[in-house]
Amino acid sequence: MVANKLAQLSDAELTLMEKILHREFLKEADQNKTWKNKNQYERPFAKSNALIKCLSAIQAQRDLNRKMEVRW
């Protein structure tokens, strides 16, 4: 069901989502570096991993849309 909703989004909407998630991932990565320097141990990467999965899902959907579009 979620895949159907992603498939209905345009390339511009998917690109916007990808940019927002990328920005959020960079912010999270910076916070992870700060956490490690301050606390001397690794912070759990659950949020970073979730962001990576979302980014890859959006990129895969964009690729699928590109492959499935009719080209004449």
Protein backbone atom coordinates (compact mmCIF):
# COMPACT_ATOMS: atom_id res chain seq x y z
CA MET A 1 0.00 0.00 0.00
CA VAL A 2 2.81 2.43 0.84
CA ALA A 3 4.57 1.46 -2.38
CA ASN A 4 1.46 2.45 -4.32
CA LYS A 5 1.53 5.88 -2.69
CA LEU A 6 5.21 6.31 -3.54
CA ALA A 7 4.55 5.25 -7.12
CA GLN A 8 1.95 8.00 -7.47
CA LEU A 9 4.43 10.75 -6.58
CA SER A 10 6.07 12.74 -9.35
CA ASP A 11 9.80 12.90 -9.89
CA ALA A 12 9.90 16.45 -8.50
CA GLU A 13 8.14 15.34 -5.31
CA LEU A 14 10.47 12.37 -4.89
CA THR A 15 13.48 14.63 -5.47
CA LEU A 16 12.23 17.05 -2.81
CA MET A 17 11.79 14.21 -0.33
CA GLU A 18 15.26 12.92 -1.16
CA LYS A 19 16.81 16.36 -0.55
CA ILE A 20 15.02 16.74 2.79
CA LEU A 21 16.06 13.27 3.95
CA HIS A 22 19.64 13.87 2.80
CA ARG A 23 19.78 17.12 4.76
CA GLU A 24 18.39 15.35 7.83
CA PHE A 25 20.93 12.53 7.41
CA LEU A 26 23.82 14.99 7.27
CA LYS A 27 22.55 16.67 10.43
CA GLU A 28 22.25 13.30 12.17
CA ALA A 29 25.77 12.30 11.06
CA ASP A 30 27.15 15.56 12.47
CA GLN A 31 25.35 14.94 15.77
CA ASN A 32 26.83 11.42 15.87
CA LYS A 33 30.35 12.86 15.48
CA THR A 34 29.71 15.40 18.23
CA TRP A 35 28.28 12.68 20.49
CA LYS A 36 31.33 10.45 19.98
CA ASN A 37 33.79 13.27 20.69
CA LYS A 38 31.90 14.35 23.80
CA ASN A 39 31.02 10.98 25.32
CA GLN A 40 33.88 8.79 24.03
CA TYR A 41 31.55 6.04 22.77
CA GLU A 42 29.37 5.40 19.75
CA ARG A 43 25.79 6.65 19.69
CA PRO A 44 23.18 4.15 18.45
CA PHE A 45 22.70 4.57 14.71
CA ALA A 46 19.00 3.61 14.56
CA LYS A 47 17.86 6.98 13.21
CA SER A 48 20.71 7.14 10.67
CA ASN A 49 19.92 3.64 9.46
CA ALA A 50 16.23 4.50 9.09
CA LEU A 51 17.11 7.61 7.08
CA ILE A 52 19.38 5.57 4.82
CA LYS A 53 16.59 3.04 4.21
CA CYS A 54 14.15 5.83 3.34
CA LEU A 55 16.66 7.44 1.00
CA SER A 56 17.32 4.18 -0.79
CA ALA A 57 13.57 3.49 -1.12
CA ILE A 58 13.01 6.89 -2.72
CA GLN A 59 15.98 6.47 -5.04
CA ALA A 60 14.74 3.03 -6.06
CA GLN A 61 11.27 4.43 -6.76
CA ARG A 62 12.74 7.23 -8.88
CA ASP A 63 14.77 4.67 -10.85
CA LEU A 64 11.71 2.46 -11.31
CA ASN A 65 9.63 5.43 -12.49
CA ARG A 66 12.35 6.34 -14.98
CA LYS A 67 12.52 2.79 -16.31
CA MET A 68 8.75 2.39 -16.51
CA GLU A 69 7.96 5.68 -18.23
CA VAL A 70 6.97 5.38 -21.85
CA ARG A 71 9.66 6.63 -24.21
CA TRP A 72 8.92 7.11 -27.85
